[in-house]
Amino acid sequence: QPPDNYYWKRFIAIHGISPQDTAYEPTFDEKWPIIEPYITNQTVVAHNGMAFDFPVLAQTLAYYGMHVPEYKKACTFRIYKAGLATLCHTHCIQLNHHDALSDARACAELYLKYLKNN
């Protein structure tokens, strides 16, 4: 649940998650102890991560007065210079765009392809 369970309408239209969906869900600070080991001293991969995901993580941690851990940032948008849907089509990667798990899997596949070729 985001702070105050608030969502911008634009993002509701993109990912389909609304305040009704998260009204009774835990807040970030409650889940951070479970998430944090997957980030600290790890490589975190995101598509458009430099412009969105990584700043959002930092801002969210700041909101809750928590320290931003050390981690390596990898951005498949910066690597490939194309949108996720386009890249998935080009590389024959299955994608249900804007579904978090599908986006994450597709991004991981793209990053693994990048590592294999470099």
PDB file of N, CA and C in Angstrom:
ATOM      1  N   GLN A   1       0.842  -1.183   0.000  1.00  0.00           N
ATOM      2  CA  GLN A   1       0.000   0.000   0.000  1.00  0.00           C
ATOM      3  C   GLN A   1       0.886   1.244   0.000  1.00  0.00           C
ATOM      4  N   PRO A   2       0.681   2.117  -0.940  1.00  0.00           N
ATOM      5  CA  PRO A   2       1.476   3.353  -0.948  1.00  0.00           C
ATOM      6  C   PRO A   2       1.026   4.295   0.170  1.00  0.00           C
ATOM      7  N   PRO A   3       1.842   5.290   0.484  1.00  0.00           N
ATOM      8  CA  PRO A   3       1.446   6.250   1.521  1.00  0.00           C
ATOM      9  C   PRO A   3       0.054   6.820   1.252  1.00  0.00           C
ATOM     10  N   ASP A   4      -0.742   6.841   2.277  1.00  0.00           N
ATOM     11  CA  ASP A   4      -2.131   7.318   2.199  1.00  0.00           C
ATOM     12  C   ASP A   4      -2.970   6.542   1.189  1.00  0.00           C
ATOM     13  N   ASN A   5      -2.472   5.406   0.742  1.00  0.00           N
ATOM     14  CA  ASN A   5      -3.155   4.566  -0.255  1.00  0.00           C
ATOM     15  C   ASN A   5      -3.576   5.384  -1.477  1.00  0.00           C
ATOM     16  N   TYR A   6      -2.692   6.293  -1.873  1.00  0.00           N
ATOM     17  CA  TYR A   6      -2.974   7.196  -2.985  1.00  0.00           C
ATOM     18  C   TYR A   6      -2.304   6.708  -4.265  1.00  0.00           C
ATOM     19  N   TYR A   7      -3.052   6.762  -5.360  1.00  0.00           N
ATOM     20  CA  TYR A   7      -2.540   6.435  -6.697  1.00  0.00           C
ATOM     21  C   TYR A   7      -2.922   7.539  -7.672  1.00  0.00           C
ATOM     22  N   TRP A   8      -1.999   7.906  -8.544  1.00  0.00           N
ATOM     23  CA  TRP A   8      -2.341   8.811  -9.630  1.00  0.00           C
ATOM     24  C   TRP A   8      -3.224   8.053 -10.610  1.00  0.00           C
ATOM     25  N   LYS A   9      -4.251   8.711 -11.098  1.00  0.00           N
ATOM     26  CA  LYS A   9      -5.179   8.071 -12.040  1.00  0.00           C
ATOM     27  C   LYS A   9      -4.443   7.531 -13.263  1.00  0.00           C
ATOM     28  N   ARG A  10      -3.436   8.257 -13.700  1.00  0.00           N
ATOM     29  CA  ARG A  10      -2.660   7.827 -14.879  1.00  0.00           C
ATOM     30  C   ARG A  10      -2.040   6.448 -14.642  1.00  0.00           C
ATOM     31  N   PHE A  11      -1.530   6.215 -13.449  1.00  0.00           N
ATOM     32  CA  PHE A  11      -0.892   4.937 -13.154  1.00  0.00           C
ATOM     33  C   PHE A  11      -1.914   3.832 -12.934  1.00  0.00           C
ATOM     34  N   ILE A  12      -3.068   4.162 -12.406  1.00  0.00           N
ATOM     35  CA  ILE A  12      -4.137   3.162 -12.285  1.00  0.00           C
ATOM     36  C   ILE A  12      -4.486   2.640 -13.677  1.00  0.00           C
ATOM     37  N   ALA A  13      -4.549   3.547 -14.635  1.00  0.00           N
ATOM     38  CA  ALA A  13      -4.871   3.156 -16.010  1.00  0.00           C
ATOM     39  C   ALA A  13      -3.775   2.262 -16.611  1.00  0.00           C
ATOM     40  N   ILE A  14      -2.538   2.464 -16.193  1.00  0.00           N
ATOM     41  CA  ILE A  14      -1.421   1.683 -16.739  1.00  0.00           C
ATOM     42  C   ILE A  14      -1.376   0.290 -16.127  1.00  0.00           C
ATOM     43  N   HIS A  15      -1.379   0.199 -14.799  1.00  0.00           N
ATOM     44  CA  HIS A  15      -1.170  -1.106 -14.161  1.00  0.00           C
ATOM     45  C   HIS A  15      -2.428  -1.734 -13.569  1.00  0.00           C
ATOM     46  N   GLY A  16      -3.513  -0.989 -13.540  1.00  0.00           N
ATOM     47  CA  GLY A  16      -4.780  -1.568 -13.095  1.00  0.00           C
ATOM     48  C   GLY A  16      -4.918  -1.769 -11.597  1.00  0.00           C
ATOM     49  N   ILE A  17      -3.979  -1.254 -10.806  1.00  0.00           N
ATOM     50  CA  ILE A  17      -4.066  -1.374  -9.346  1.00  0.00           C
ATOM     51  C   ILE A  17      -4.668  -0.090  -8.804  1.00  0.00           C
ATOM     52  N   SER A  18      -5.681  -0.230  -7.944  1.00  0.00           N
ATOM     53  CA  SER A  18      -6.388   0.931  -7.417  1.00  0.00           C
ATOM     54  C   SER A  18      -6.359   0.924  -5.886  1.00  0.00           C
ATOM     55  N   PRO A  19      -6.755   2.018  -5.258  1.00  0.00           N
ATOM     56  CA  PRO A  19      -6.799   2.061  -3.787  1.00  0.00           C
ATOM     57  C   PRO A  19      -7.660   0.950  -3.183  1.00  0.00           C
ATOM     58  N   GLN A  20      -8.690   0.541  -3.870  1.00  0.00           N
ATOM     59  CA  GLN A  20      -9.537  -0.548  -3.366  1.00  0.00           C
ATOM     60  C   GLN A  20      -8.755  -1.858  -3.272  1.00  0.00           C
ATOM     61  N   ASP A  21      -7.817  -2.041  -4.190  1.00  0.00           N
ATOM     62  CA  ASP A  21      -7.019  -3.267  -4.211  1.00  0.00           C
ATOM     63  C   ASP A  21      -6.029  -3.352  -3.054  1.00  0.00           C
ATOM     64  N   THR A  22      -5.597  -2.210  -2.542  1.00  0.00           N
ATOM     65  CA  THR A  22      -4.534  -2.207  -1.533  1.00  0.00           C
ATOM     66  C   THR A  22      -4.960  -1.627  -0.184  1.00  0.00           C
ATOM     67  N   ALA A  23      -6.229  -1.353  -0.017  1.00  0.00           N
ATOM     68  CA  ALA A  23      -6.715  -0.705   1.214  1.00  0.00           C
ATOM     69  C   ALA A  23      -6.320  -1.452   2.481  1.00  0.00           C
ATOM     70  N   TYR A  24      -6.262  -2.748   2.441  1.00  0.00           N
ATOM     71  CA  TYR A  24      -5.955  -3.531   3.641  1.00  0.00           C
ATOM     72  C   TYR A  24      -4.617  -4.254   3.556  1.00  0.00           C
ATOM     73  N   GLU A  25      -3.775  -3.800   2.634  1.00  0.00           N
ATOM     74  CA  GLU A  25      -2.455  -4.410   2.457  1.00  0.00           C
ATOM     75  C   GLU A  25      -1.415  -3.690   3.318  1.00  0.00           C
ATOM     76  N   PRO A  26      -0.301  -4.365   3.619  1.00  0.00           N
ATOM     77  CA  PRO A  26       0.760  -3.736   4.422  1.00  0.00           C
ATOM     78  C   PRO A  26       1.412  -2.574   3.679  1.00  0.00           C
ATOM     79  N   THR A  27       2.011  -1.679   4.429  1.00  0.00           N
ATOM     80  CA  THR A  27       2.741  -0.562   3.847  1.00  0.00           C
ATOM     81  C   THR A  27       4.180  -0.984   3.563  1.00  0.00           C
ATOM     82  N   PHE A  28       4.885  -0.171   2.800  1.00  0.00           N
ATOM     83  CA  PHE A  28       6.255  -0.480   2.395  1.00  0.00           C
ATOM     84  C   PHE A  28       7.159  -0.749   3.592  1.00  0.00           C
ATOM     85  N   ASP A  29       7.072   0.081   4.622  1.00  0.00           N
ATOM     86  CA  ASP A  29       7.957  -0.089   5.768  1.00  0.00           C
ATOM     87  C   ASP A  29       7.743  -1.429   6.482  1.00  0.00           C
ATOM     88  N   GLU A  30       6.561  -1.966   6.363  1.00  0.00           N
ATOM     89  CA  GLU A  30       6.285  -3.283   6.946  1.00  0.00           C
ATOM     90  C   GLU A  30       6.900  -4.413   6.108  1.00  0.00           C
ATOM     91  N   LYS A  31       7.007  -4.208   4.817  1.00  0.00           N
ATOM     92  CA  LYS A  31       7.532  -5.234   3.904  1.00  0.00           C
ATOM     93  C   LYS A  31       9.031  -5.095   3.636  1.00  0.00           C
ATOM     94  N   TRP A  32       9.597  -3.930   3.906  1.00  0.00           N
ATOM     95  CA  TRP A  32      11.000  -3.685   3.589  1.00  0.00           C
ATOM     96  C   TRP A  32      11.949  -4.719   4.200  1.00  0.00           C
ATOM     97  N   PRO A  33      11.775  -5.160   5.438  1.00  0.00           N
ATOM     98  CA  PRO A  33      12.702  -6.163   5.970  1.00  0.00           C
ATOM     99  C   PRO A  33      12.741  -7.460   5.150  1.00  0.00           C
ATOM    100  N   ILE A  34      11.674  -7.778   4.459  1.00  0.00           N
ATOM    101  CA  ILE A  34      11.637  -8.970   3.606  1.00  0.00           C
ATOM    102  C   ILE A  34      12.308  -8.685   2.261  1.00  0.00           C
ATOM    103  N   ILE A  35      12.124  -7.479   1.743  1.00  0.00           N
ATOM    104  CA  ILE A  35      12.638  -7.084   0.429  1.00  0.00           C
ATOM    105  C   ILE A  35      14.123  -6.740   0.470  1.00  0.00           C
ATOM    106  N   GLU A  36      14.545  -6.102   1.529  1.00  0.00           N
ATOM    107  CA  GLU A  36      15.882  -5.513   1.612  1.00  0.00           C
ATOM    108  C   GLU A  36      17.028  -6.472   1.298  1.00  0.00           C
ATOM    109  N   PRO A  37      17.013  -7.728   1.750  1.00  0.00           N
ATOM    110  CA  PRO A  37      18.128  -8.624   1.405  1.00  0.00           C
ATOM    111  C   PRO A  37      18.270  -8.904  -0.096  1.00  0.00           C
ATOM    112  N   TYR A  38      17.198  -8.729  -0.840  1.00  0.00           N
ATOM    113  CA  TYR A  38      17.255  -8.941  -2.285  1.00  0.00           C
ATOM    114  C   TYR A  38      17.852  -7.738  -3.018  1.00  0.00           C
ATOM    115  N   ILE A  39      18.060  -6.646  -2.291  1.00  0.00           N
ATOM    116  CA  ILE A  39      18.577  -5.420  -2.901  1.00  0.00           C
ATOM    117  C   ILE A  39      19.985  -5.084  -2.416  1.00  0.00           C
ATOM    118  N   THR A  40      20.202  -5.128  -1.112  1.00  0.00           N
ATOM    119  CA  THR A  40      21.493  -4.754  -0.550  1.00  0.00           C
ATOM    120  C   THR A  40      22.618  -5.601  -1.138  1.00  0.00           C
ATOM    121  N   ASN A  41      23.619  -4.903  -1.688  1.00  0.00           N
ATOM    122  CA  ASN A  41      24.803  -5.524  -2.294  1.00  0.00           C
ATOM    123  C   ASN A  41      24.478  -6.469  -3.446  1.00  0.00           C
ATOM    124  N   GLN A  42      23.358  -6.250  -4.094  1.00  0.00           N
ATOM    125  CA  GLN A  42      22.945  -7.062  -5.229  1.00  0.00           C
ATOM    126  C   GLN A  42      22.926  -6.195  -6.494  1.00  0.00           C
ATOM    127  N   THR A  43      22.761  -6.839  -7.635  1.00  0.00           N
ATOM    128  CA  THR A  43      22.485  -6.118  -8.875  1.00  0.00           C
ATOM    129  C   THR A  43      20.978  -6.121  -9.047  1.00  0.00           C
ATOM    130  N   VAL A  44      20.411  -4.929  -9.144  1.00  0.00           N
ATOM    131  CA  VAL A  44      18.966  -4.784  -9.327  1.00  0.00           C
ATOM    132  C   VAL A  44      18.746  -4.313 -10.755  1.00  0.00           C
ATOM    133  N   VAL A  45      17.932  -5.065 -11.482  1.00  0.00           N
ATOM    134  CA  VAL A  45      17.690  -4.788 -12.894  1.00  0.00           C
ATOM    135  C   VAL A  45      16.267  -4.293 -13.062  1.00  0.00           C
ATOM    136  N   ALA A  46      16.101  -3.220 -13.816  1.00  0.00           N
ATOM    137  CA  ALA A  46      14.773  -2.690 -14.111  1.00  0.00           C
ATOM    138  C   ALA A  46      14.792  -2.082 -15.505  1.00  0.00           C
ATOM    139  N   HIS A  47      13.636  -2.036 -16.125  1.00  0.00           N
ATOM    140  CA  HIS A  47      13.528  -1.381 -17.422  1.00  0.00           C
ATOM    141  C   HIS A  47      13.081   0.051 -17.167  1.00  0.00           C
ATOM    142  N   ASN A  48      13.879   0.993 -17.593  1.00  0.00           N
ATOM    143  CA  ASN A  48      13.697   2.415 -17.313  1.00  0.00           C
ATOM    144  C   ASN A  48      13.928   2.699 -15.827  1.00  0.00           C
ATOM    145  N   GLY A  49      14.758   1.880 -15.212  1.00  0.00           N
ATOM    146  CA  GLY A  49      15.036   1.996 -13.786  1.00  0.00           C
ATOM    147  C   GLY A  49      15.663   3.306 -13.374  1.00  0.00           C
ATOM    148  N   MET A  50      16.524   3.875 -14.211  1.00  0.00           N
ATOM    149  CA  MET A  50      17.191   5.127 -13.849  1.00  0.00           C
ATOM    150  C   MET A  50      16.193   6.288 -13.764  1.00  0.00           C
ATOM    151  N   ALA A  51      15.182   6.249 -14.595  1.00  0.00           N
ATOM    152  CA  ALA A  51      14.200   7.331 -14.614  1.00  0.00           C
ATOM    153  C   ALA A  51      13.034   7.091 -13.663  1.00  0.00           C
ATOM    154  N   PHE A  52      12.773   5.818 -13.302  1.00  0.00           N
ATOM    155  CA  PHE A  52      11.589   5.551 -12.489  1.00  0.00           C
ATOM    156  C   PHE A  52      11.888   4.697 -11.259  1.00  0.00           C
ATOM    157  N   ASP A  53      12.205   3.436 -11.443  1.00  0.00           N
ATOM    158  CA  ASP A  53      12.274   2.481 -10.332  1.00  0.00           C
ATOM    159  C   ASP A  53      13.277   2.864  -9.245  1.00  0.00           C
ATOM    160  N   PHE A  54      14.491   3.201  -9.629  1.00  0.00           N
ATOM    161  CA  PHE A  54      15.517   3.489  -8.633  1.00  0.00           C
ATOM    162  C   PHE A  54      15.219   4.783  -7.860  1.00  0.00           C
ATOM    163  N   PRO A  55      14.800   5.862  -8.519  1.00  0.00           N
ATOM    164  CA  PRO A  55      14.399   7.041  -7.749  1.00  0.00           C
ATOM    165  C   PRO A  55      13.182   6.785  -6.848  1.00  0.00           C
ATOM    166  N   VAL A  56      12.226   5.992  -7.317  1.00  0.00           N
ATOM    167  CA  VAL A  56      11.051   5.688  -6.497  1.00  0.00           C
ATOM    168  C   VAL A  56      11.470   4.927  -5.243  1.00  0.00           C
ATOM    169  N   LEU A  57      12.370   3.974  -5.383  1.00  0.00           N
ATOM    170  CA  LEU A  57      12.856   3.248  -4.207  1.00  0.00           C
ATOM    171  C   LEU A  57      13.520   4.214  -3.228  1.00  0.00           C
ATOM    172  N   ALA A  58      14.389   5.075  -3.721  1.00  0.00           N
ATOM    173  CA  ALA A  58      15.076   6.032  -2.851  1.00  0.00           C
ATOM    174  C   ALA A  58      14.087   6.977  -2.165  1.00  0.00           C
ATOM    175  N   GLN A  59      13.107   7.464  -2.918  1.00  0.00           N
ATOM    176  CA  GLN A  59      12.108   8.381  -2.349  1.00  0.00           C
ATOM    177  C   GLN A  59      11.233   7.683  -1.316  1.00  0.00           C
ATOM    178  N   THR A  60      10.906   6.436  -1.567  1.00  0.00           N
ATOM    179  CA  THR A  60      10.075   5.679  -0.632  1.00  0.00           C
ATOM    180  C   THR A  60      10.838   5.418   0.663  1.00  0.00           C
ATOM    181  N   LEU A  61      12.091   5.031   0.541  1.00  0.00           N
ATOM    182  CA  LEU A  61      12.906   4.822   1.735  1.00  0.00           C
ATOM    183  C   LEU A  61      13.051   6.130   2.516  1.00  0.00           C
ATOM    184  N   ALA A  62      13.262   7.235   1.820  1.00  0.00           N
ATOM    185  CA  ALA A  62      13.367   8.538   2.490  1.00  0.00           C
ATOM    186  C   ALA A  62      12.057   8.889   3.208  1.00  0.00           C
ATOM    187  N   TYR A  63      10.939   8.619   2.568  1.00  0.00           N
ATOM    188  CA  TYR A  63       9.628   8.897   3.161  1.00  0.00           C
ATOM    189  C   TYR A  63       9.490   8.202   4.520  1.00  0.00           C
ATOM    190  N   TYR A  64       9.974   6.973   4.600  1.00  0.00           N
ATOM    191  CA  TYR A  64       9.875   6.205   5.842  1.00  0.00           C
ATOM    192  C   TYR A  64      11.102   6.381   6.749  1.00  0.00           C
ATOM    193  N   GLY A  65      12.026   7.269   6.350  1.00  0.00           N
ATOM    194  CA  GLY A  65      13.205   7.525   7.173  1.00  0.00           C
ATOM    195  C   GLY A  65      14.179   6.361   7.214  1.00  0.00           C
ATOM    196  N   MET A  66      14.237   5.628   6.112  1.00  0.00           N
ATOM    197  CA  MET A  66      15.109   4.462   6.034  1.00  0.00           C
ATOM    198  C   MET A  66      16.304   4.742   5.128  1.00  0.00           C
ATOM    199  N   HIS A  67      17.387   4.049   5.400  1.00  0.00           N
ATOM    200  CA  HIS A  67      18.632   4.195   4.650  1.00  0.00           C
ATOM    201  C   HIS A  67      18.531   3.497   3.289  1.00  0.00           C
ATOM    202  N   VAL A  68      19.062   4.135   2.253  1.00  0.00           N
ATOM    203  CA  VAL A  68      19.148   3.505   0.924  1.00  0.00           C
ATOM    204  C   VAL A  68      20.371   2.598   0.931  1.00  0.00           C
ATOM    205  N   PRO A  69      20.187   1.309   0.698  1.00  0.00           N
ATOM    206  CA  PRO A  69      21.329   0.395   0.737  1.00  0.00           C
ATOM    207  C   PRO A  69      22.222   0.531  -0.494  1.00  0.00           C
ATOM    208  N   GLU A  70      23.410  -0.007  -0.397  1.00  0.00           N
ATOM    209  CA  GLU A  70      24.308  -0.079  -1.546  1.00  0.00           C
ATOM    210  C   GLU A  70      23.820  -1.193  -2.459  1.00  0.00           C
ATOM    211  N   TYR A  71      23.735  -0.900  -3.767  1.00  0.00           N
ATOM    212  CA  TYR A  71      23.391  -1.916  -4.747  1.00  0.00           C
ATOM    213  C   TYR A  71      23.771  -1.416  -6.126  1.00  0.00           C
ATOM    214  N   LYS A  72      23.980  -2.356  -7.041  1.00  0.00           N
ATOM    215  CA  LYS A  72      24.323  -2.009  -8.418  1.00  0.00           C
ATOM    216  C   LYS A  72      23.025  -1.880  -9.208  1.00  0.00           C
ATOM    217  N   LYS A  73      22.922  -0.805  -9.977  1.00  0.00           N
ATOM    218  CA  LYS A  73      21.738  -0.543 -10.795  1.00  0.00           C
ATOM    219  C   LYS A  73      22.015  -0.907 -12.244  1.00  0.00           C
ATOM    220  N   ALA A  74      21.127  -1.700 -12.831  1.00  0.00           N
ATOM    221  CA  ALA A  74      21.229  -2.048 -14.247  1.00  0.00           C
ATOM    222  C   ALA A  74      19.887  -1.722 -14.899  1.00  0.00           C
ATOM    223  N   CYS A  75      19.941  -1.013 -15.995  1.00  0.00           N
ATOM    224  CA  CYS A  75      18.719  -0.549 -16.667  1.00  0.00           C
ATOM    225  C   CYS A  75      18.689  -1.073 -18.105  1.00  0.00           C
ATOM    226  N   THR A  76      17.740  -1.962 -18.384  1.00  0.00           N
ATOM    227  CA  THR A  76      17.666  -2.526 -19.731  1.00  0.00           C
ATOM    228  C   THR A  76      17.228  -1.491 -20.771  1.00  0.00           C
ATOM    229  N   PHE A  77      16.539  -0.454 -20.359  1.00  0.00           N
ATOM    230  CA  PHE A  77      16.215   0.614 -21.311  1.00  0.00           C
ATOM    231  C   PHE A  77      17.491   1.308 -21.766  1.00  0.00           C
ATOM    232  N   ARG A  78      18.382   1.599 -20.837  1.00  0.00           N
ATOM    233  CA  ARG A  78      19.658   2.245 -21.195  1.00  0.00           C
ATOM    234  C   ARG A  78      20.550   1.306 -22.012  1.00  0.00           C
ATOM    235  N   ILE A  79      20.483   0.029 -21.710  1.00  0.00           N
ATOM    236  CA  ILE A  79      21.310  -0.937 -22.437  1.00  0.00           C
ATOM    237  C   ILE A  79      20.840  -1.060 -23.886  1.00  0.00           C
ATOM    238  N   TYR A  80      19.531  -1.248 -24.070  1.00  0.00           N
ATOM    239  CA  TYR A  80      18.983  -1.549 -25.403  1.00  0.00           C
ATOM    240  C   TYR A  80      18.424  -0.333 -26.139  1.00  0.00           C
ATOM    241  N   LYS A  81      18.122   0.716 -25.407  1.00  0.00           N
ATOM    242  CA  LYS A  81      17.597   1.961 -25.997  1.00  0.00           C
ATOM    243  C   LYS A  81      16.297   1.740 -26.758  1.00  0.00           C
ATOM    244  N   ALA A  82      15.392   0.964 -26.158  1.00  0.00           N
ATOM    245  CA  ALA A  82      14.081   0.708 -26.748  1.00  0.00           C
ATOM    246  C   ALA A  82      13.108   0.331 -25.636  1.00  0.00           C
ATOM    247  N   GLY A  83      11.825   0.436 -25.946  1.00  0.00           N
ATOM    248  CA  GLY A  83      10.785   0.096 -24.993  1.00  0.00           C
ATOM    249  C   GLY A  83      10.707  -1.399 -24.730  1.00  0.00           C
ATOM    250  N   LEU A  84      10.160  -1.759 -23.589  1.00  0.00           N
ATOM    251  CA  LEU A  84      10.088  -3.158 -23.189  1.00  0.00           C
ATOM    252  C   LEU A  84       9.252  -3.990 -24.158  1.00  0.00           C
ATOM    253  N   ALA A  85       8.097  -3.498 -24.545  1.00  0.00           N
ATOM    254  CA  ALA A  85       7.243  -4.263 -25.464  1.00  0.00           C
ATOM    255  C   ALA A  85       7.941  -4.497 -26.802  1.00  0.00           C
ATOM    256  N   THR A  86       8.595  -3.484 -27.313  1.00  0.00           N
ATOM    257  CA  THR A  86       9.331  -3.613 -28.577  1.00  0.00           C
ATOM    258  C   THR A  86      10.452  -4.641 -28.452  1.00  0.00           C
ATOM    259  N   LEU A  87      11.199  -4.556 -27.372  1.00  0.00           N
ATOM    260  CA  LEU A  87      12.302  -5.495 -27.159  1.00  0.00           C
ATOM    261  C   LEU A  87      11.807  -6.927 -27.015  1.00  0.00           C
ATOM    262  N   CYS A  88      10.709  -7.097 -26.312  1.00  0.00           N
ATOM    263  CA  CYS A  88      10.169  -8.449 -26.134  1.00  0.00           C
ATOM    264  C   CYS A  88       9.709  -9.029 -27.464  1.00  0.00           C
ATOM    265  N   HIS A  89       9.112  -8.195 -28.278  1.00  0.00           N
ATOM    266  CA  HIS A  89       8.699  -8.649 -29.607  1.00  0.00           C
ATOM    267  C   HIS A  89       9.929  -9.045 -30.432  1.00  0.00           C
ATOM    268  N   THR A  90      10.922  -8.194 -30.438  1.00  0.00           N
ATOM    269  CA  THR A  90      12.147  -8.433 -31.204  1.00  0.00           C
ATOM    270  C   THR A  90      12.864  -9.698 -30.752  1.00  0.00           C
ATOM    271  N   HIS A  91      12.893  -9.946 -29.440  1.00  0.00           N
ATOM    272  CA  HIS A  91      13.651 -11.076 -28.887  1.00  0.00           C
ATOM    273  C   HIS A  91      12.763 -12.286 -28.554  1.00  0.00           C
ATOM    274  N   CYS A  92      11.504 -12.237 -29.014  1.00  0.00           N
ATOM    275  CA  CYS A  92      10.564 -13.351 -28.796  1.00  0.00           C
ATOM    276  C   CYS A  92      10.427 -13.721 -27.314  1.00  0.00           C
ATOM    277  N   ILE A  93      10.264 -12.701 -26.505  1.00  0.00           N
ATOM    278  CA  ILE A  93      10.069 -12.877 -25.065  1.00  0.00           C
ATOM    279  C   ILE A  93       8.601 -12.617 -24.760  1.00  0.00           C
ATOM    280  N   GLN A  94       7.988 -13.540 -24.036  1.00  0.00           N
ATOM    281  CA  GLN A  94       6.581 -13.379 -23.671  1.00  0.00           C
ATOM    282  C   GLN A  94       6.422 -12.189 -22.735  1.00  0.00           C
ATOM    283  N   LEU A  95       5.358 -11.406 -22.944  1.00  0.00           N
ATOM    284  CA  LEU A  95       5.136 -10.222 -22.113  1.00  0.00           C
ATOM    285  C   LEU A  95       3.655  -9.915 -21.990  1.00  0.00           C
ATOM    286  N   ASN A  96       3.196  -9.776 -20.759  1.00  0.00           N
ATOM    287  CA  ASN A  96       1.883  -9.209 -20.455  1.00  0.00           C
ATOM    288  C   ASN A  96       2.209  -7.832 -19.878  1.00  0.00           C
ATOM    289  N   HIS A  97       2.348  -6.864 -20.769  1.00  0.00           N
ATOM    290  CA  HIS A  97       2.906  -5.557 -20.420  1.00  0.00           C
ATOM    291  C   HIS A  97       2.168  -4.892 -19.272  1.00  0.00           C
ATOM    292  N   HIS A  98       2.953  -4.349 -18.356  1.00  0.00           N
ATOM    293  CA  HIS A  98       2.516  -3.646 -17.152  1.00  0.00           C
ATOM    294  C   HIS A  98       1.968  -4.571 -16.075  1.00  0.00           C
ATOM    295  N   ASP A  99       2.084  -5.866 -16.274  1.00  0.00           N
ATOM    296  CA  ASP A  99       1.890  -6.805 -15.182  1.00  0.00           C
ATOM    297  C   ASP A  99       3.267  -6.935 -14.530  1.00  0.00           C
ATOM    298  N   ALA A 100       3.365  -6.653 -13.246  1.00  0.00           N
ATOM    299  CA  ALA A 100       4.670  -6.544 -12.585  1.00  0.00           C
ATOM    300  C   ALA A 100       5.532  -7.789 -12.768  1.00  0.00           C
ATOM    301  N   LEU A 101       4.966  -8.953 -12.556  1.00  0.00           N
ATOM    302  CA  LEU A 101       5.751 -10.174 -12.668  1.00  0.00           C
ATOM    303  C   LEU A 101       6.192 -10.417 -14.113  1.00  0.00           C
ATOM    304  N   SER A 102       5.305 -10.206 -15.051  1.00  0.00           N
ATOM    305  CA  SER A 102       5.646 -10.395 -16.457  1.00  0.00           C
ATOM    306  C   SER A 102       6.730  -9.409 -16.887  1.00  0.00           C
ATOM    307  N   ASP A 103       6.593  -8.145 -16.510  1.00  0.00           N
ATOM    308  CA  ASP A 103       7.607  -7.138 -16.833  1.00  0.00           C
ATOM    309  C   ASP A 103       8.959  -7.520 -16.231  1.00  0.00           C
ATOM    310  N   ALA A 104       8.949  -7.983 -14.971  1.00  0.00           N
ATOM    311  CA  ALA A 104      10.199  -8.345 -14.301  1.00  0.00           C
ATOM    312  C   ALA A 104      10.870  -9.531 -14.987  1.00  0.00           C
ATOM    313  N   ARG A 105      10.085 -10.532 -15.340  1.00  0.00           N
ATOM    314  CA  ARG A 105      10.656 -11.694 -16.028  1.00  0.00           C
ATOM    315  C   ARG A 105      11.243 -11.311 -17.380  1.00  0.00           C
ATOM    316  N   ALA A 106      10.522 -10.494 -18.114  1.00  0.00           N
ATOM    317  CA  ALA A 106      10.994 -10.056 -19.427  1.00  0.00           C
ATOM    318  C   ALA A 106      12.279  -9.242 -19.286  1.00  0.00           C
ATOM    319  N   CYS A 107      12.307  -8.371 -18.326  1.00  0.00           N
ATOM    320  CA  CYS A 107      13.494  -7.556 -18.079  1.00  0.00           C
ATOM    321  C   CYS A 107      14.677  -8.445 -17.713  1.00  0.00           C
ATOM    322  N   ALA A 108      14.441  -9.445 -16.882  1.00  0.00           N
ATOM    323  CA  ALA A 108      15.501 -10.383 -16.504  1.00  0.00           C
ATOM    324  C   ALA A 108      16.034 -11.132 -17.723  1.00  0.00           C
ATOM    325  N   GLU A 109      15.140 -11.585 -18.585  1.00  0.00           N
ATOM    326  CA  GLU A 109      15.580 -12.293 -19.790  1.00  0.00           C
ATOM    327  C   GLU A 109      16.438 -11.394 -20.676  1.00  0.00           C
ATOM    328  N   LEU A 110      16.025 -10.142 -20.812  1.00  0.00           N
ATOM    329  CA  LEU A 110      16.803  -9.199 -21.612  1.00  0.00           C
ATOM    330  C   LEU A 110      18.176  -8.971 -20.999  1.00  0.00           C
ATOM    331  N   TYR A 111      18.231  -8.827 -19.693  1.00  0.00           N
ATOM    332  CA  TYR A 111      19.518  -8.596 -19.032  1.00  0.00           C
ATOM    333  C   TYR A 111      20.425  -9.819 -19.165  1.00  0.00           C
ATOM    334  N   LEU A 112      19.865 -11.005 -19.028  1.00  0.00           N
ATOM    335  CA  LEU A 112      20.660 -12.214 -19.197  1.00  0.00           C
ATOM    336  C   LEU A 112      21.203 -12.325 -20.627  1.00  0.00           C
ATOM    337  N   LYS A 113      20.395 -11.945 -21.617  1.00  0.00           N
ATOM    338  CA  LYS A 113      20.877 -11.923 -23.001  1.00  0.00           C
ATOM    339  C   LYS A 113      22.044 -10.946 -23.149  1.00  0.00           C
ATOM    340  N   TYR A 114      21.910  -9.802 -22.523  1.00  0.00           N
ATOM    341  CA  TYR A 114      22.964  -8.799 -22.559  1.00  0.00           C
ATOM    342  C   TYR A 114      24.244  -9.354 -21.934  1.00  0.00           C
ATOM    343  N   LEU A 115      24.132  -9.978 -20.758  1.00  0.00           N
ATOM    344  CA  LEU A 115      25.317 -10.527 -20.091  1.00  0.00           C
ATOM    345  C   LEU A 115      25.967 -11.623 -20.938  1.00  0.00           C
ATOM    346  N   LYS A 116      25.173 -12.432 -21.580  1.00  0.00           N
ATOM    347  CA  LYS A 116      25.684 -13.523 -22.408  1.00  0.00           C
ATOM    348  C   LYS A 116      26.488 -12.998 -23.599  1.00  0.00           C
ATOM    349  N   ASN A 117      26.068 -11.841 -24.129  1.00  0.00           N
ATOM    350  CA  ASN A 117      26.704 -11.286 -25.316  1.00  0.00           C
ATOM    351  C   ASN A 117      27.803 -10.276 -25.025  1.00  0.00           C
ATOM    352  N   ASN A 118      28.067 -10.001 -23.774  1.00  0.00           N
ATOM    353  CA  ASN A 118      29.088  -8.994 -23.421  1.00  0.00           C
ATOM    354  C   ASN A 118      30.119  -9.517 -22.456  1.00  0.00           C
TER     355      ASN A 118
END
